[in-house]
């Protein structure tokens, strides 16, 4: 596989530094270092040149917080849906 001028042999694992991707002014614009949640009003496609570089809970300590929150929300949602049904054993 080739990434620009770099040839990566088969079987080699390539890691992208998420912090570097999230702080690249060529991708996000000149105000990349400023906290501006309003930049996402129109979604990721309207914010940066390459929307696939946004990995909010991809790696590092942030994955624990995001993953645990998402799982907790999912459990609550499933519990709310299941509570609407009456479950019983089949006579067979």
PDB file of N, CA and C in Angstrom:
ATOM      1  N   UNK A   1       0.845  -1.152   0.000  1.00  0.00           N
ATOM      2  CA  UNK A   1       0.000   0.000   0.000  1.00  0.00           C
ATOM      3  C   UNK A   1       0.899   1.226   0.000  1.00  0.00           C
ATOM      4  N   UNK A   2       0.450   2.301  -0.646  1.00  0.00           N
ATOM      5  CA  UNK A   2       1.225   3.539  -0.667  1.00  0.00           C
ATOM      6  C   UNK A   2       0.425   4.664  -0.034  1.00  0.00           C
ATOM      7  N   UNK A   3       1.075   5.421   0.839  1.00  0.00           N
ATOM      8  CA  UNK A   3       0.533   6.647   1.408  1.00  0.00           C
ATOM      9  C   UNK A   3       1.424   7.774   0.913  1.00  0.00           C
ATOM     10  N   UNK A   4       1.004   8.440  -0.135  1.00  0.00           N
ATOM     11  CA  UNK A   4       1.867   9.475  -0.724  1.00  0.00           C
ATOM     12  C   UNK A   4       3.111   8.822  -1.277  1.00  0.00           C
ATOM     13  N   UNK A   5       4.279   9.211  -0.784  1.00  0.00           N
ATOM     14  CA  UNK A   5       5.552   8.622  -1.220  1.00  0.00           C
ATOM     15  C   UNK A   5       6.001   7.464  -0.333  1.00  0.00           C
ATOM     16  N   UNK A   6       5.233   7.135   0.680  1.00  0.00           N
ATOM     17  CA  UNK A   6       5.607   6.101   1.637  1.00  0.00           C
ATOM     18  C   UNK A   6       5.012   4.759   1.226  1.00  0.00           C
ATOM     19  N   UNK A   7       5.856   3.753   1.097  1.00  0.00           N
ATOM     20  CA  UNK A   7       5.411   2.389   0.776  1.00  0.00           C
ATOM     21  C   UNK A   7       5.333   1.591   2.070  1.00  0.00           C
ATOM     22  N   UNK A   8       4.158   1.013   2.356  1.00  0.00           N
ATOM     23  CA  UNK A   8       3.954   0.218   3.565  1.00  0.00           C
ATOM     24  C   UNK A   8       3.799  -1.242   3.149  1.00  0.00           C
ATOM     25  N   UNK A   9       4.738  -2.109   3.559  1.00  0.00           N
ATOM     26  CA  UNK A   9       4.669  -3.522   3.179  1.00  0.00           C
ATOM     27  C   UNK A   9       3.474  -4.225   3.824  1.00  0.00           C
ATOM     28  N   UNK A  10       3.041  -5.305   3.206  1.00  0.00           N
ATOM     29  CA  UNK A  10       1.942  -6.112   3.727  1.00  0.00           C
ATOM     30  C   UNK A  10       2.302  -6.643   5.110  1.00  0.00           C
ATOM     31  N   UNK A  11       1.332  -6.592   6.035  1.00  0.00           N
ATOM     32  CA  UNK A  11       1.538  -7.097   7.377  1.00  0.00           C
ATOM     33  C   UNK A  11       2.012  -6.052   8.377  1.00  0.00           C
ATOM     34  N   UNK A  12       2.365  -4.867   7.899  1.00  0.00           N
ATOM     35  CA  UNK A  12       2.821  -3.806   8.797  1.00  0.00           C
ATOM     36  C   UNK A  12       1.601  -3.072   9.341  1.00  0.00           C
ATOM     37  N   UNK A  13       1.583  -2.833  10.652  1.00  0.00           N
ATOM     38  CA  UNK A  13       0.482  -2.116  11.281  1.00  0.00           C
ATOM     39  C   UNK A  13       0.822  -0.636  11.322  1.00  0.00           C
ATOM     40  N   UNK A  14      -0.097   0.188  10.843  1.00  0.00           N
ATOM     41  CA  UNK A  14       0.103   1.631  10.816  1.00  0.00           C
ATOM     42  C   UNK A  14      -0.825   2.268  11.842  1.00  0.00           C
ATOM     43  N   UNK A  15      -0.256   3.100  12.728  1.00  0.00           N
ATOM     44  CA  UNK A  15      -1.037   3.805  13.731  1.00  0.00           C
ATOM     45  C   UNK A  15      -1.058   5.285  13.379  1.00  0.00           C
ATOM     46  N   UNK A  16      -2.207   5.885  13.460  1.00  0.00           N
ATOM     47  CA  UNK A  16      -2.319   7.330  13.266  1.00  0.00           C
ATOM     48  C   UNK A  16      -2.441   7.981  14.638  1.00  0.00           C
ATOM     49  N   UNK A  17      -1.698   9.030  14.871  1.00  0.00           N
ATOM     50  CA  UNK A  17      -1.768   9.740  16.138  1.00  0.00           C
ATOM     51  C   UNK A  17      -3.006  10.630  16.141  1.00  0.00           C
ATOM     52  N   UNK A  18      -4.000  10.250  16.922  1.00  0.00           N
ATOM     53  CA  UNK A  18      -5.273  10.960  16.959  1.00  0.00           C
ATOM     54  C   UNK A  18      -5.085  12.415  17.366  1.00  0.00           C
ATOM     55  N   UNK A  19      -4.231  12.655  18.340  1.00  0.00           N
ATOM     56  CA  UNK A  19      -4.002  14.029  18.795  1.00  0.00           C
ATOM     57  C   UNK A  19      -3.467  14.879  17.649  1.00  0.00           C
ATOM     58  N   UNK A  20      -2.567  14.320  16.866  1.00  0.00           N
ATOM     59  CA  UNK A  20      -2.009  15.048  15.721  1.00  0.00           C
ATOM     60  C   UNK A  20      -3.089  15.320  14.673  1.00  0.00           C
ATOM     61  N   UNK A  21      -3.927  14.327  14.405  1.00  0.00           N
ATOM     62  CA  UNK A  21      -5.001  14.525  13.422  1.00  0.00           C
ATOM     63  C   UNK A  21      -5.986  15.591  13.874  1.00  0.00           C
ATOM     64  N   UNK A  22      -6.268  15.644  15.168  1.00  0.00           N
ATOM     65  CA  UNK A  22      -7.248  16.600  15.684  1.00  0.00           C
ATOM     66  C   UNK A  22      -6.695  18.009  15.839  1.00  0.00           C
ATOM     67  N   UNK A  23      -5.395  18.177  15.681  1.00  0.00           N
ATOM     68  CA  UNK A  23      -4.794  19.494  15.848  1.00  0.00           C
ATOM     69  C   UNK A  23      -4.065  19.977  14.599  1.00  0.00           C
ATOM     70  N   UNK A  24      -4.401  19.417  13.464  1.00  0.00           N
ATOM     71  CA  UNK A  24      -3.752  19.796  12.211  1.00  0.00           C
ATOM     72  C   UNK A  24      -4.498  20.963  11.572  1.00  0.00           C
ATOM     73  N   UNK A  25      -3.862  22.161  11.474  1.00  0.00           N
ATOM     74  CA  UNK A  25      -4.548  23.316  10.889  1.00  0.00           C
ATOM     75  C   UNK A  25      -4.877  23.140   9.408  1.00  0.00           C
ATOM     76  N   UNK A  26      -4.148  22.259   8.708  1.00  0.00           N
ATOM     77  CA  UNK A  26      -4.460  22.018   7.298  1.00  0.00           C
ATOM     78  C   UNK A  26      -5.796  21.291   7.139  1.00  0.00           C
ATOM     79  N   UNK A  27      -6.192  20.527   8.153  1.00  0.00           N
ATOM     80  CA  UNK A  27      -7.453  19.784   8.106  1.00  0.00           C
ATOM     81  C   UNK A  27      -8.590  20.590   8.729  1.00  0.00           C
ATOM     82  N   UNK A  28      -8.349  21.216   9.906  1.00  0.00           N
ATOM     83  CA  UNK A  28      -9.397  21.846  10.690  1.00  0.00           C
ATOM     84  C   UNK A  28      -9.465  23.363  10.549  1.00  0.00           C
ATOM     85  N   UNK A  29      -8.446  23.983   9.976  1.00  0.00           N
ATOM     86  CA  UNK A  29      -8.434  25.431   9.831  1.00  0.00           C
ATOM     87  C   UNK A  29      -7.500  26.091  10.831  1.00  0.00           C
ATOM     88  N   UNK A  30      -7.316  27.398  10.707  1.00  0.00           N
ATOM     89  CA  UNK A  30      -6.317  28.099  11.532  1.00  0.00           C
ATOM     90  C   UNK A  30      -6.675  28.201  13.013  1.00  0.00           C
ATOM     91  N   UNK A  31      -7.948  28.060  13.381  1.00  0.00           N
ATOM     92  CA  UNK A  31      -8.345  28.185  14.791  1.00  0.00           C
ATOM     93  C   UNK A  31      -8.458  26.830  15.481  1.00  0.00           C
ATOM     94  N   UNK A  32      -7.678  25.867  15.042  1.00  0.00           N
ATOM     95  CA  UNK A  32      -7.761  24.498  15.545  1.00  0.00           C
ATOM     96  C   UNK A  32      -7.467  24.403  17.042  1.00  0.00           C
ATOM     97  N   UNK A  33      -6.641  25.277  17.589  1.00  0.00           N
ATOM     98  CA  UNK A  33      -6.266  25.216  19.002  1.00  0.00           C
ATOM     99  C   UNK A  33      -7.290  25.870  19.926  1.00  0.00           C
ATOM    100  N   UNK A  34      -8.327  26.482  19.375  1.00  0.00           N
ATOM    101  CA  UNK A  34      -9.330  27.165  20.185  1.00  0.00           C
ATOM    102  C   UNK A  34     -10.561  26.284  20.381  1.00  0.00           C
ATOM    103  N   UNK A  35     -11.080  26.258  21.594  1.00  0.00           N
ATOM    104  CA  UNK A  35     -12.300  25.510  21.890  1.00  0.00           C
ATOM    105  C   UNK A  35     -13.479  26.241  21.254  1.00  0.00           C
ATOM    106  N   UNK A  36     -14.106  25.602  20.274  1.00  0.00           N
ATOM    107  CA  UNK A  36     -15.208  26.220  19.556  1.00  0.00           C
ATOM    108  C   UNK A  36     -16.216  25.136  19.157  1.00  0.00           C
ATOM    109  N   UNK A  37     -17.093  24.735  20.074  1.00  0.00           N
ATOM    110  CA  UNK A  37     -18.051  23.675  19.736  1.00  0.00           C
ATOM    111  C   UNK A  37     -19.036  24.085  18.649  1.00  0.00           C
ATOM    112  N   UNK A  38     -19.194  25.378  18.416  1.00  0.00           N
ATOM    113  CA  UNK A  38     -20.121  25.842  17.376  1.00  0.00           C
ATOM    114  C   UNK A  38     -19.660  25.470  15.976  1.00  0.00           C
ATOM    115  N   UNK A  39     -18.383  25.110  15.834  1.00  0.00           N
ATOM    116  CA  UNK A  39     -17.888  24.727  14.509  1.00  0.00           C
ATOM    117  C   UNK A  39     -18.575  23.451  14.008  1.00  0.00           C
ATOM    118  N   UNK A  40     -19.190  22.672  14.925  1.00  0.00           N
ATOM    119  CA  UNK A  40     -19.831  21.413  14.537  1.00  0.00           C
ATOM    120  C   UNK A  40     -21.335  21.562  14.304  1.00  0.00           C
ATOM    121  N   UNK A  41     -21.843  22.781  14.242  1.00  0.00           N
ATOM    122  CA  UNK A  41     -23.280  22.995  14.053  1.00  0.00           C
ATOM    123  C   UNK A  41     -23.779  22.322  12.776  1.00  0.00           C
ATOM    124  N   UNK A  42     -22.992  22.381  11.718  1.00  0.00           N
ATOM    125  CA  UNK A  42     -23.401  21.777  10.440  1.00  0.00           C
ATOM    126  C   UNK A  42     -22.826  20.380  10.254  1.00  0.00           C
ATOM    127  N   UNK A  43     -22.311  19.783  11.318  1.00  0.00           N
ATOM    128  CA  UNK A  43     -21.746  18.443  11.234  1.00  0.00           C
ATOM    129  C   UNK A  43     -20.267  18.483  10.903  1.00  0.00           C
ATOM    130  N   UNK A  44     -19.654  17.322  10.903  1.00  0.00           N
ATOM    131  CA  UNK A  44     -18.216  17.215  10.668  1.00  0.00           C
ATOM    132  C   UNK A  44     -17.868  17.594   9.236  1.00  0.00           C
ATOM    133  N   UNK A  45     -18.735  17.274   8.282  1.00  0.00           N
ATOM    134  CA  UNK A  45     -18.438  17.568   6.882  1.00  0.00           C
ATOM    135  C   UNK A  45     -18.253  19.060   6.627  1.00  0.00           C
ATOM    136  N   UNK A  46     -18.947  19.900   7.379  1.00  0.00           N
ATOM    137  CA  UNK A  46     -18.815  21.333   7.203  1.00  0.00           C
ATOM    138  C   UNK A  46     -17.651  21.939   7.946  1.00  0.00           C
ATOM    139  N   UNK A  47     -16.976  21.155   8.767  1.00  0.00           N
ATOM    140  CA  UNK A  47     -15.911  21.672   9.628  1.00  0.00           C
ATOM    141  C   UNK A  47     -14.526  21.444   9.039  1.00  0.00           C
ATOM    142  N   UNK A  48     -14.284  20.248   8.543  1.00  0.00           N
ATOM    143  CA  UNK A  48     -12.917  19.923   8.124  1.00  0.00           C
ATOM    144  C   UNK A  48     -12.903  19.322   6.721  1.00  0.00           C
ATOM    145  N   UNK A  49     -11.705  19.302   6.158  1.00  0.00           N
ATOM    146  CA  UNK A  49     -11.529  18.783   4.797  1.00  0.00           C
ATOM    147  C   UNK A  49     -11.674  17.265   4.730  1.00  0.00           C
ATOM    148  N   UNK A  50     -11.285  16.574   5.795  1.00  0.00           N
ATOM    149  CA  UNK A  50     -11.341  15.109   5.842  1.00  0.00           C
ATOM    150  C   UNK A  50     -12.133  14.673   7.064  1.00  0.00           C
ATOM    151  N   UNK A  51     -13.456  14.493   6.956  1.00  0.00           N
ATOM    152  CA  UNK A  51     -14.267  14.175   8.128  1.00  0.00           C
ATOM    153  C   UNK A  51     -13.916  12.854   8.797  1.00  0.00           C
ATOM    154  N   UNK A  52     -13.264  11.940   8.083  1.00  0.00           N
ATOM    155  CA  UNK A  52     -12.917  10.651   8.684  1.00  0.00           C
ATOM    156  C   UNK A  52     -11.785  10.760   9.697  1.00  0.00           C
ATOM    157  N   UNK A  53     -11.130  11.932   9.831  1.00  0.00           N
ATOM    158  CA  UNK A  53     -10.064  12.083  10.822  1.00  0.00           C
ATOM    159  C   UNK A  53     -10.605  12.371  12.218  1.00  0.00           C
ATOM    160  N   UNK A  54     -11.892  12.643  12.356  1.00  0.00           N
ATOM    161  CA  UNK A  54     -12.460  12.875  13.676  1.00  0.00           C
ATOM    162  C   UNK A  54     -12.695  11.539  14.370  1.00  0.00           C
ATOM    163  N   UNK A  55     -11.921  11.286  15.411  1.00  0.00           N
ATOM    164  CA  UNK A  55     -12.027  10.051  16.196  1.00  0.00           C
ATOM    165  C   UNK A  55     -12.158  10.484  17.650  1.00  0.00           C
ATOM    166  N   UNK A  56     -13.362  10.905  18.081  1.00  0.00           N
ATOM    167  CA  UNK A  56     -13.483  11.501  19.407  1.00  0.00           C
ATOM    168  C   UNK A  56     -13.130  10.572  20.564  1.00  0.00           C
ATOM    169  N   UNK A  57     -13.456   9.302  20.499  1.00  0.00           N
ATOM    170  CA  UNK A  57     -13.137   8.370  21.580  1.00  0.00           C
ATOM    171  C   UNK A  57     -12.358   7.192  21.029  1.00  0.00           C
ATOM    172  N   UNK A  58     -11.493   7.451  20.079  1.00  0.00           N
ATOM    173  CA  UNK A  58     -10.785   6.384  19.393  1.00  0.00           C
ATOM    174  C   UNK A  58      -9.708   5.702  20.191  1.00  0.00           C
ATOM    175  N   UNK A  59      -8.840   6.469  20.851  1.00  0.00           N
ATOM    176  CA  UNK A  59      -7.694   5.901  21.554  1.00  0.00           C
ATOM    177  C   UNK A  59      -7.446   6.683  22.828  1.00  0.00           C
ATOM    178  N   UNK A  60      -6.662   6.117  23.702  1.00  0.00           N
ATOM    179  CA  UNK A  60      -6.207   6.832  24.884  1.00  0.00           C
ATOM    180  C   UNK A  60      -7.226   6.878  25.997  1.00  0.00           C
ATOM    181  N   UNK A  61      -6.999   7.786  26.970  1.00  0.00           N
ATOM    182  CA  UNK A  61      -7.871   7.834  28.145  1.00  0.00           C
ATOM    183  C   UNK A  61      -9.307   8.223  27.815  1.00  0.00           C
ATOM    184  N   UNK A  62      -9.506   8.943  26.730  1.00  0.00           N
ATOM    185  CA  UNK A  62     -10.861   9.358  26.356  1.00  0.00           C
ATOM    186  C   UNK A  62     -11.768   8.201  25.982  1.00  0.00           C
ATOM    187  N   UNK A  63     -11.183   7.094  25.543  1.00  0.00           N
ATOM    188  CA  UNK A  63     -12.008   5.950  25.130  1.00  0.00           C
ATOM    189  C   UNK A  63     -12.787   5.391  26.311  1.00  0.00           C
ATOM    190  N   UNK A  64     -12.181   5.392  27.489  1.00  0.00           N
ATOM    191  CA  UNK A  64     -12.869   4.856  28.664  1.00  0.00           C
ATOM    192  C   UNK A  64     -14.109   5.685  28.993  1.00  0.00           C
ATOM    193  N   UNK A  65     -13.956   6.983  29.049  1.00  0.00           N
ATOM    194  CA  UNK A  65     -15.069   7.860  29.375  1.00  0.00           C
ATOM    195  C   UNK A  65     -16.181   7.737  28.340  1.00  0.00           C
ATOM    196  N   UNK A  66     -15.853   7.875  27.077  1.00  0.00           N
ATOM    197  CA  UNK A  66     -16.859   7.820  26.023  1.00  0.00           C
ATOM    198  C   UNK A  66     -17.519   6.463  25.895  1.00  0.00           C
ATOM    199  N   UNK A  67     -16.710   5.422  25.969  1.00  0.00           N
ATOM    200  CA  UNK A  67     -17.237   4.063  25.828  1.00  0.00           C
ATOM    201  C   UNK A  67     -18.142   3.707  27.007  1.00  0.00           C
ATOM    202  N   UNK A  68     -17.723   4.040  28.208  1.00  0.00           N
ATOM    203  CA  UNK A  68     -18.538   3.722  29.379  1.00  0.00           C
ATOM    204  C   UNK A  68     -19.840   4.510  29.382  1.00  0.00           C
ATOM    205  N   UNK A  69     -19.792   5.769  28.988  1.00  0.00           N
ATOM    206  CA  UNK A  69     -21.009   6.579  28.918  1.00  0.00           C
ATOM    207  C   UNK A  69     -21.970   6.011  27.874  1.00  0.00           C
ATOM    208  N   UNK A  70     -21.448   5.661  26.713  1.00  0.00           N
ATOM    209  CA  UNK A  70     -22.294   5.106  25.661  1.00  0.00           C
ATOM    210  C   UNK A  70     -22.934   3.788  26.093  1.00  0.00           C
ATOM    211  N   UNK A  71     -22.178   2.935  26.766  1.00  0.00           N
ATOM    212  CA  UNK A  71     -22.728   1.653  27.233  1.00  0.00           C
ATOM    213  C   UNK A  71     -23.790   1.863  28.312  1.00  0.00           C
ATOM    214  N   UNK A  72     -23.573   2.814  29.201  1.00  0.00           N
ATOM    215  CA  UNK A  72     -24.572   3.109  30.238  1.00  0.00           C
ATOM    216  C   UNK A  72     -25.863   3.622  29.608  1.00  0.00           C
ATOM    217  N   UNK A  73     -25.729   4.512  28.629  1.00  0.00           N
ATOM    218  CA  UNK A  73     -26.918   5.030  27.942  1.00  0.00           C
ATOM    219  C   UNK A  73     -27.655   3.914  27.210  1.00  0.00           C
ATOM    220  N   UNK A  74     -26.900   3.014  26.591  1.00  0.00           N
ATOM    221  CA  UNK A  74     -27.507   1.907  25.856  1.00  0.00           C
ATOM    222  C   UNK A  74     -28.272   0.976  26.797  1.00  0.00           C
ATOM    223  N   UNK A  75     -27.709   0.696  27.970  1.00  0.00           N
ATOM    224  CA  UNK A  75     -28.393  -0.161  28.949  1.00  0.00           C
ATOM    225  C   UNK A  75     -29.693   0.479  29.418  1.00  0.00           C
ATOM    226  N   UNK A  76     -29.668   1.772  29.646  1.00  0.00           N
ATOM    227  CA  UNK A  76     -30.895   2.474  30.068  1.00  0.00           C
ATOM    228  C   UNK A  76     -31.934   2.432  28.967  1.00  0.00           C
ATOM    229  N   UNK A  77     -31.513   2.662  27.728  1.00  0.00           N
ATOM    230  CA  UNK A  77     -32.443   2.627  26.594  1.00  0.00           C
ATOM    231  C   UNK A  77     -33.073   1.248  26.428  1.00  0.00           C
ATOM    232  N   UNK A  78     -32.266   0.199  26.515  1.00  0.00           N
ATOM    233  CA  UNK A  78     -32.790  -1.170  26.381  1.00  0.00           C
ATOM    234  C   UNK A  78     -33.748  -1.473  27.530  1.00  0.00           C
ATOM    235  N   UNK A  79     -33.413  -1.051  28.743  1.00  0.00           N
ATOM    236  CA  UNK A  79     -34.298  -1.282  29.887  1.00  0.00           C
ATOM    237  C   UNK A  79     -35.633  -0.575  29.699  1.00  0.00           C
ATOM    238  N   UNK A  80     -35.609   0.636  29.152  1.00  0.00           N
ATOM    239  CA  UNK A  80     -36.862   1.376  28.916  1.00  0.00           C
ATOM    240  C   UNK A  80     -37.716   0.685  27.850  1.00  0.00           C
ATOM    241  N   UNK A  81     -37.072   0.171  26.809  1.00  0.00           N
ATOM    242  CA  UNK A  81     -37.816  -0.516  25.743  1.00  0.00           C
ATOM    243  C   UNK A  81     -38.387  -1.830  26.264  1.00  0.00           C
ATOM    244  N   UNK A  82     -37.581  -2.611  26.972  1.00  0.00           N
ATOM    245  CA  UNK A  82     -38.028  -3.910  27.482  1.00  0.00           C
ATOM    246  C   UNK A  82     -39.148  -3.737  28.507  1.00  0.00           C
ATOM    247  N   UNK A  83     -39.143  -2.651  29.253  1.00  0.00           N
ATOM    248  CA  UNK A  83     -40.186  -2.442  30.270  1.00  0.00           C
ATOM    249  C   UNK A  83     -41.571  -2.244  29.643  1.00  0.00           C
ATOM    250  N   UNK A  84     -41.623  -1.969  28.360  1.00  0.00           N
ATOM    251  CA  UNK A  84     -42.913  -1.789  27.679  1.00  0.00           C
ATOM    252  C   UNK A  84     -43.551  -3.119  27.285  1.00  0.00           C
ATOM    253  N   UNK A  85     -42.812  -4.209  27.385  1.00  0.00           N
ATOM    254  CA  UNK A  85     -43.310  -5.509  26.977  1.00  0.00           C
ATOM    255  C   UNK A  85     -43.574  -6.390  28.191  1.00  0.00           C
ATOM    256  N   UNK A  86     -44.505  -7.323  28.019  1.00  0.00           N
ATOM    257  CA  UNK A  86     -44.786  -8.318  29.044  1.00  0.00           C
ATOM    258  C   UNK A  86     -44.135  -9.621  28.589  1.00  0.00           C
ATOM    259  N   UNK A  87     -43.196 -10.097  29.364  1.00  0.00           N
ATOM    260  CA  UNK A  87     -42.473 -11.311  28.998  1.00  0.00           C
ATOM    261  C   UNK A  87     -42.989 -12.477  29.833  1.00  0.00           C
ATOM    262  N   UNK A  88     -43.197 -13.622  29.170  1.00  0.00           N
ATOM    263  CA  UNK A  88     -43.620 -14.831  29.889  1.00  0.00           C
ATOM    264  C   UNK A  88     -43.057 -16.050  29.159  1.00  0.00           C
ATOM    265  N   UNK A  89     -42.990 -17.176  29.863  1.00  0.00           N
ATOM    266  CA  UNK A  89     -42.497 -18.403  29.273  1.00  0.00           C
ATOM    267  C   UNK A  89     -43.539 -19.022  28.363  1.00  0.00           C
ATOM    268  N   UNK A  90     -43.073 -19.602  27.303  1.00  0.00           N
ATOM    269  CA  UNK A  90     -43.952 -20.279  26.358  1.00  0.00           C
ATOM    270  C   UNK A  90     -44.419 -21.597  26.982  1.00  0.00           C
ATOM    271  N   UNK A  91     -45.685 -21.998  26.752  1.00  0.00           N
ATOM    272  CA  UNK A  91     -46.142 -23.275  27.290  1.00  0.00           C
ATOM    273  C   UNK A  91     -45.425 -24.472  26.674  1.00  0.00           C
ATOM    274  N   UNK A  92     -44.797 -24.303  25.548  1.00  0.00           N
ATOM    275  CA  UNK A  92     -44.094 -25.391  24.892  1.00  0.00           C
ATOM    276  C   UNK A  92     -42.711 -25.479  25.447  1.00  0.00           C
TER     277      UNK A  92
END
